[in-house]
Amino acid sequence: MTYSANGKFDPEKAFKLIEDYRLSNLLIPPTGLRMMKQVPEPEKKFNLDSVRVVSSGSESFGKALPEWIKKTFGDKTIVHEIYGQSEGTYLTFNCQKYFEYKYNIGRASPGLVVEIIDENGNIMPWGETGEIAIRAFDNNPVLFKEYLKDPPGTASKFSGNWMLTGDLAIKDDQGYFTFIGRKDDIIISSGYRIGPCEIEDTLIKHDAVAEAGVIGVPDETRGQIPKAFIVLREGVKATDDLKNELRNFVKQRLAKYEYPRQIDFIANLPKTTTGKIKRRDLRLVVDKKVC
């Protein structure tokens, strides 16, 4: 990562470093890539043809970023999306040398048994949504042993022989995993289960949007509805017309029930130190407004 004097990531400087040092393998979190995506036509300003591989993780990638990577660094650039967490690193990954990239979090890492399980620890059929879980065995160098001085917390992380991730996904008949979202981030609207990541990925494809965070908010009729918090690109004005335009933009690309019925424009999204959107903080903002 490259930072300016004020401690913030500097996307222009990142491109300049790639050019100056002829970097070929990049490891950049999705937040950094989204900031770089805001730089107009970087492929015309910088020589970026040295880049061969762009790897990233910590957040769902979607399609918008891989498509931008190909456009910016060239069609031959390989995209590696990695899925893991502090308790278990490199659980699934994409490696185009060995299998096709399908805009998802790839297949299980070699040596690991990764499945989708239900609340009772049973492996679920292909194509059904459940929790990502990893078969735990003694001395597994990938999985954590325990939370320090927290036996209850450690126990909650396991179900029988499975380590639980707290993340929902779908596994297909070829072993590919498609990330849906954190269990506590899923929006249930009129009986439909909606993952926020897909809506966020669609929103950032709009030319006016720099970043987007989506949560579920209470609704008397539907139980919950999607609400989007949007950071606009520099120079774009926040208007009600733009809100309607963004709603229609999502409607045309996703299921009709997935569009954000509420939209707020904000200056910055709350994030963790690794760049993940802190949806819990967004929910707190909503709760305070309600109170």
Protein backbone atom coordinates (compact mmCIF):
# COMPACT_ATOMS: atom_id res chain seq x y z
CA MET A 1 0.00 0.00 0.00
CA THR A 2 1.15 3.56 -0.67
CA TYR A 3 0.20 6.46 1.54
CA SER A 4 0.33 10.24 1.35
CA ALA A 5 1.78 12.50 4.03
CA ASN A 6 -1.56 12.58 5.88
CA GLY A 7 -1.58 8.79 6.21
CA LYS A 8 -4.25 8.12 3.56
CA PHE A 9 -3.84 5.70 0.66
CA ASP A 10 -2.81 7.62 -2.45
CA PRO A 11 -4.07 5.92 -5.65
CA GLU A 12 -2.08 8.20 -7.98
CA LYS A 13 1.10 7.34 -6.09
CA ALA A 14 0.26 3.65 -6.32
CA PHE A 15 0.10 3.85 -10.11
CA LYS A 16 3.35 5.82 -10.20
CA LEU A 17 5.13 3.16 -8.11
CA ILE A 18 3.88 0.44 -10.44
CA GLU A 19 5.30 2.38 -13.38
CA ASP A 20 8.60 3.36 -11.74
CA TYR A 21 9.46 -0.08 -10.36
CA ARG A 22 7.85 -2.12 -13.15
CA LEU A 23 5.85 -4.11 -10.60
CA SER A 24 4.46 -7.39 -11.89
CA ASN A 25 2.63 -8.92 -8.91
CA LEU A 26 0.25 -6.74 -6.90
CA LEU A 27 -1.48 -7.57 -3.62
CA ILE A 28 -4.00 -4.81 -2.91
CA PRO A 29 -7.19 -4.97 -0.81
CA PRO A 30 -10.49 -4.20 -2.57
CA THR A 31 -10.76 -0.80 -0.89
CA GLY A 32 -7.43 0.26 -2.38
CA LEU A 33 -8.46 -1.01 -5.80
CA ARG A 34 -11.74 0.92 -5.60
CA MET A 35 -9.79 4.08 -4.80
CA MET A 36 -7.49 3.42 -7.75
CA LYS A 37 -10.59 2.89 -9.90
CA GLN A 38 -11.54 6.52 -9.25
CA VAL A 39 -8.45 7.78 -11.10
CA PRO A 40 -9.63 8.70 -14.65
CA GLU A 41 -8.02 6.58 -17.40
CA PRO A 42 -4.82 5.61 -15.52
CA GLU A 43 -3.78 3.36 -18.40
CA LYS A 44 -3.28 6.53 -20.47
CA LYS A 45 -1.32 8.36 -17.74
CA PHE A 46 1.00 5.54 -16.63
CA ASN A 47 2.87 2.63 -18.18
CA LEU A 48 1.23 -0.35 -16.49
CA ASP A 49 2.10 -3.18 -18.88
CA SER A 50 4.47 -4.81 -16.36
CA VAL A 51 1.54 -6.07 -14.24
CA ARG A 52 0.90 -9.80 -14.62
CA VAL A 53 -1.09 -10.69 -11.49
CA VAL A 54 -3.42 -8.76 -9.19
CA SER A 55 -4.33 -10.57 -5.96
CA SER A 56 -6.83 -9.38 -3.40
CA GLY A 57 -8.94 -10.50 -0.49
CA SER A 58 -10.66 -9.47 2.77
CA GLU A 59 -13.86 -8.49 0.95
CA SER A 60 -16.07 -9.83 -1.80
CA PHE A 61 -14.73 -8.76 -5.18
CA GLY A 62 -17.78 -9.00 -7.42
CA LYS A 63 -17.42 -8.35 -11.16
CA ALA A 64 -16.81 -4.60 -11.29
CA LEU A 65 -13.24 -4.73 -9.98
CA PRO A 66 -11.99 -7.67 -12.09
CA GLU A 67 -13.43 -6.03 -15.20
CA TRP A 68 -11.70 -2.75 -14.29
CA ILE A 69 -8.41 -4.60 -13.65
CA LYS A 70 -8.52 -6.15 -17.13
CA LYS A 71 -9.33 -2.80 -18.72
CA THR A 72 -6.59 -0.96 -16.80
CA PHE A 73 -3.70 -3.43 -16.77
CA GLY A 74 -4.54 -5.42 -19.90
CA ASP A 75 -6.59 -8.47 -20.85
CA LYS A 76 -3.73 -10.84 -20.02
CA THR A 77 -3.62 -9.74 -16.38
CA ILE A 78 -4.50 -12.59 -14.02
CA VAL A 79 -6.88 -11.91 -11.14
CA HIS A 80 -6.48 -13.96 -7.96
CA GLU A 81 -9.28 -13.58 -5.43
CA ILE A 82 -8.48 -15.02 -2.00
CA TYR A 83 -10.88 -15.88 0.81
CA GLY A 84 -9.89 -16.38 4.43
CA GLN A 85 -10.04 -14.87 7.88
CA SER A 86 -7.78 -14.38 10.88
CA GLU A 87 -8.81 -17.77 12.29
CA GLY A 88 -8.12 -19.56 9.02
CA THR A 89 -6.10 -18.05 6.19
CA TYR A 90 -6.28 -18.89 2.46
CA LEU A 91 -9.35 -21.11 2.76
CA THR A 92 -10.39 -20.75 -0.88
CA PHE A 93 -8.70 -19.05 -3.80
CA ASN A 94 -8.67 -18.52 -7.54
CA CYS A 95 -5.64 -19.66 -9.49
CA GLN A 96 -6.15 -19.35 -13.22
CA LYS A 97 -3.15 -21.56 -13.92
CA TYR A 98 -5.19 -24.50 -12.67
CA PHE A 99 -8.85 -23.60 -13.18
CA GLU A 100 -11.12 -21.03 -14.78
CA TYR A 101 -11.93 -17.79 -12.95
CA LYS A 102 -15.68 -17.39 -12.47
CA TYR A 103 -15.93 -14.10 -10.58
CA ASN A 104 -16.28 -15.81 -7.22
CA ILE A 105 -14.02 -16.85 -4.33
CA GLY A 106 -12.81 -19.95 -6.16
CA ARG A 107 -12.19 -23.44 -4.84
CA ALA A 108 -10.88 -24.91 -1.59
CA SER A 109 -7.15 -24.54 -1.00
CA PRO A 110 -5.17 -27.79 -1.47
CA GLY A 111 -5.24 -29.97 1.64
CA LEU A 112 -8.40 -28.40 3.06
CA VAL A 113 -11.94 -29.74 3.14
CA VAL A 114 -14.28 -26.78 2.73
CA GLU A 115 -18.04 -27.27 2.60
CA ILE A 116 -21.35 -25.47 2.99
CA ILE A 117 -23.15 -26.69 6.10
CA ASP A 118 -26.52 -26.07 7.76
CA GLU A 119 -27.17 -25.08 11.38
CA ASN A 120 -26.87 -28.72 12.47
CA GLY A 121 -23.45 -29.25 10.87
CA ASN A 122 -24.77 -31.22 7.88
CA ILE A 123 -23.23 -30.72 4.44
CA MET A 124 -25.74 -28.99 2.19
CA PRO A 125 -26.53 -29.90 -1.45
CA TRP A 126 -24.95 -28.00 -4.31
CA GLY A 127 -26.59 -24.68 -5.06
CA GLU A 128 -28.04 -24.07 -1.60
CA THR A 129 -27.02 -21.25 0.72
CA GLY A 130 -25.33 -22.15 3.99
CA GLU A 131 -22.32 -21.38 6.16
CA ILE A 132 -18.76 -21.87 4.91
CA ALA A 133 -17.05 -24.39 7.18
CA ILE A 134 -13.61 -26.04 7.20
CA ARG A 135 -12.93 -29.57 8.43
CA ALA A 136 -10.82 -29.20 11.58
CA PHE A 137 -8.09 -31.70 12.36
CA ASP A 138 -5.16 -31.84 14.78
CA ASN A 139 -2.17 -29.64 13.98
CA ASN A 140 -3.80 -28.03 10.98
CA PRO A 141 -1.35 -25.15 10.28
CA VAL A 142 -4.06 -23.08 8.58
CA LEU A 143 -6.68 -23.00 11.35
CA PHE A 144 -6.35 -21.25 14.68
CA LYS A 145 -6.18 -23.26 17.91
CA GLU A 146 -8.20 -21.08 20.27
CA TYR A 147 -9.10 -17.55 21.31
CA LEU A 148 -6.78 -16.58 24.15
CA LYS A 149 -8.50 -16.97 27.53
CA ASP A 150 -11.91 -17.24 25.86
CA PRO A 151 -13.18 -20.86 25.97
CA PRO A 152 -16.83 -19.86 25.23
CA GLY A 153 -15.74 -17.85 22.20
CA THR A 154 -13.59 -20.74 20.99
CA ALA A 155 -16.45 -23.22 21.44
CA SER A 156 -18.80 -21.00 19.42
CA LYS A 157 -16.38 -21.13 16.50
CA PHE A 158 -16.72 -24.90 16.09
CA SER A 159 -19.54 -27.32 15.31
CA GLY A 160 -18.35 -30.88 15.75
CA ASN A 161 -15.40 -31.32 13.39
CA TRP A 162 -16.11 -28.10 11.52
CA MET A 163 -14.63 -24.64 12.05
CA LEU A 164 -17.34 -22.09 11.35
CA THR A 165 -16.58 -18.90 9.42
CA GLY A 166 -19.79 -16.97 10.03
CA ASP A 167 -19.97 -16.37 6.26
CA LEU A 168 -22.71 -17.56 3.92
CA ALA A 169 -22.01 -18.90 0.44
CA ILE A 170 -23.14 -21.33 -2.24
CA LYS A 171 -21.02 -24.20 -3.59
CA ASP A 172 -21.65 -25.46 -7.12
CA ASP A 173 -21.13 -28.92 -8.63
CA GLN A 174 -17.60 -27.97 -9.76
CA GLY A 175 -16.45 -26.97 -6.29
CA TYR A 176 -16.64 -23.18 -6.80
CA PHE A 177 -17.83 -21.03 -3.89
CA THR A 178 -19.91 -17.88 -4.39
CA PHE A 179 -19.80 -15.55 -1.39
CA ILE A 180 -23.16 -14.23 -0.17
CA GLY A 181 -22.25 -12.28 2.97
CA ARG A 182 -21.83 -12.41 6.72
CA LYS A 183 -24.64 -14.26 8.50
CA ASP A 184 -25.55 -11.12 10.40
CA ASP A 185 -25.41 -8.96 7.24
CA ILE A 186 -28.05 -10.90 5.28
CA ILE A 187 -31.19 -8.87 4.53
CA ILE A 188 -34.50 -10.75 4.67
CA SER A 189 -37.11 -8.80 2.73
CA SER A 190 -40.59 -10.25 2.09
CA GLY A 191 -39.07 -13.70 2.60
CA TYR A 192 -36.21 -13.13 0.14
CA ARG A 193 -32.64 -13.50 1.40
CA ILE A 194 -30.53 -10.66 -0.02
CA GLY A 195 -26.74 -10.43 0.21
CA PRO A 196 -25.46 -6.83 0.41
CA CYS A 197 -22.29 -7.53 -1.61
CA GLU A 198 -24.11 -8.03 -4.91
CA ILE A 199 -25.96 -4.73 -4.54
CA GLU A 200 -22.74 -2.91 -3.59
CA ASP A 201 -20.91 -4.40 -6.58
CA THR A 202 -23.70 -3.25 -8.91
CA LEU A 203 -23.77 0.27 -7.47
CA ILE A 204 -20.05 0.89 -7.94
CA LYS A 205 -20.44 0.13 -11.64
CA HIS A 206 -22.34 3.42 -11.94
CA ASP A 207 -20.13 6.29 -13.05
CA ALA A 208 -21.24 8.50 -10.15
CA VAL A 209 -20.42 6.03 -7.38
CA ALA A 210 -17.03 5.65 -5.72
CA GLU A 211 -18.02 3.33 -2.87
CA ALA A 212 -21.21 1.76 -1.52
CA GLY A 213 -22.27 0.01 1.66
CA VAL A 214 -25.63 -1.76 1.98
CA ILE A 215 -27.53 -2.90 5.07
CA GLY A 216 -31.06 -3.99 5.91
CA VAL A 217 -33.32 -1.56 7.77
CA PRO A 218 -36.70 -2.29 9.41
CA ASP A 219 -39.84 -2.05 7.30
CA GLU A 220 -43.39 -2.65 8.57
CA THR A 221 -44.53 -4.41 5.39
CA ARG A 222 -41.46 -6.33 4.22
CA GLY A 223 -39.64 -6.91 7.50
CA GLN A 224 -36.49 -5.36 6.09
CA ILE A 225 -35.52 -3.38 3.00
CA PRO A 226 -32.06 -2.66 1.53
CA LYS A 227 -30.59 0.74 2.36
CA ALA A 228 -27.48 2.01 0.56
CA PHE A 229 -24.88 4.42 1.88
CA ILE A 230 -23.03 5.89 -1.08
CA VAL A 231 -19.79 7.83 -1.45
CA LEU A 232 -19.95 9.80 -4.69
CA ARG A 233 -17.06 10.46 -7.02
CA GLU A 234 -15.43 13.86 -6.79
CA GLY A 235 -17.49 16.55 -8.47
CA VAL A 236 -20.77 14.59 -8.51
CA LYS A 237 -23.71 16.36 -6.84
CA ALA A 238 -25.99 14.50 -4.43
CA THR A 239 -29.57 14.92 -5.66
CA ASP A 240 -32.90 13.12 -5.39
CA ASP A 241 -32.79 12.58 -9.15
CA LEU A 242 -29.50 10.73 -8.74
CA LYS A 243 -31.04 8.54 -6.02
CA ASN A 244 -33.83 7.53 -8.42
CA GLU A 245 -31.29 6.93 -11.16
CA LEU A 246 -29.28 4.61 -8.91
CA ARG A 247 -32.40 2.69 -7.85
CA ASN A 248 -33.29 2.10 -11.50
CA PHE A 249 -29.68 1.21 -12.29
CA VAL A 250 -29.84 -1.65 -9.77
CA LYS A 251 -33.37 -2.68 -10.82
CA GLN A 252 -32.19 -3.21 -14.38
CA ARG A 253 -29.32 -5.48 -13.29
CA LEU A 254 -30.61 -7.43 -10.29
CA ALA A 255 -33.90 -8.91 -9.10
CA LYS A 256 -36.61 -6.30 -8.54
CA TYR A 257 -36.65 -6.88 -4.77
CA GLU A 258 -32.90 -6.19 -4.44
CA TYR A 259 -32.75 -2.51 -5.31
CA PRO A 260 -31.99 -0.09 -2.43
CA ARG A 261 -35.30 1.51 -1.49
CA GLN A 262 -33.45 3.99 0.73
CA ILE A 263 -30.23 5.81 -0.21
CA ASP A 264 -28.04 8.15 1.83
CA PHE A 265 -25.03 10.00 0.43
CA ILE A 266 -22.12 10.17 2.89
CA ALA A 267 -18.53 11.44 2.80
CA ASN A 268 -16.84 8.21 3.94
CA LEU A 269 -17.78 4.64 4.76
CA PRO A 270 -16.70 3.24 8.15
CA LYS A 271 -14.06 0.56 7.58
CA THR A 272 -11.86 -1.84 9.50
CA THR A 273 -8.06 -1.53 9.40
CA THR A 274 -8.05 -4.08 6.55
CA GLY A 275 -10.53 -2.02 4.52
CA LYS A 276 -13.72 -4.00 5.10
CA ILE A 277 -16.95 -2.03 5.34
CA LYS A 278 -18.17 -1.93 8.95
CA ARG A 279 -21.88 -2.55 8.32
CA ARG A 280 -22.43 -2.76 12.05
CA ASP A 281 -21.48 0.92 12.30
CA LEU A 282 -23.89 1.75 9.48
CA ARG A 283 -26.64 -0.02 11.38
CA LEU A 284 -25.78 2.01 14.48
CA VAL A 285 -26.23 5.21 12.46
CA VAL A 286 -29.70 4.04 11.43
CA ASP A 287 -30.60 3.03 14.99
CA LYS A 288 -29.61 6.46 16.32
CA LYS A 289 -31.79 8.16 13.70
CA VAL A 290 -34.74 5.95 14.67
CA CYS A 291 -34.21 6.70 18.38
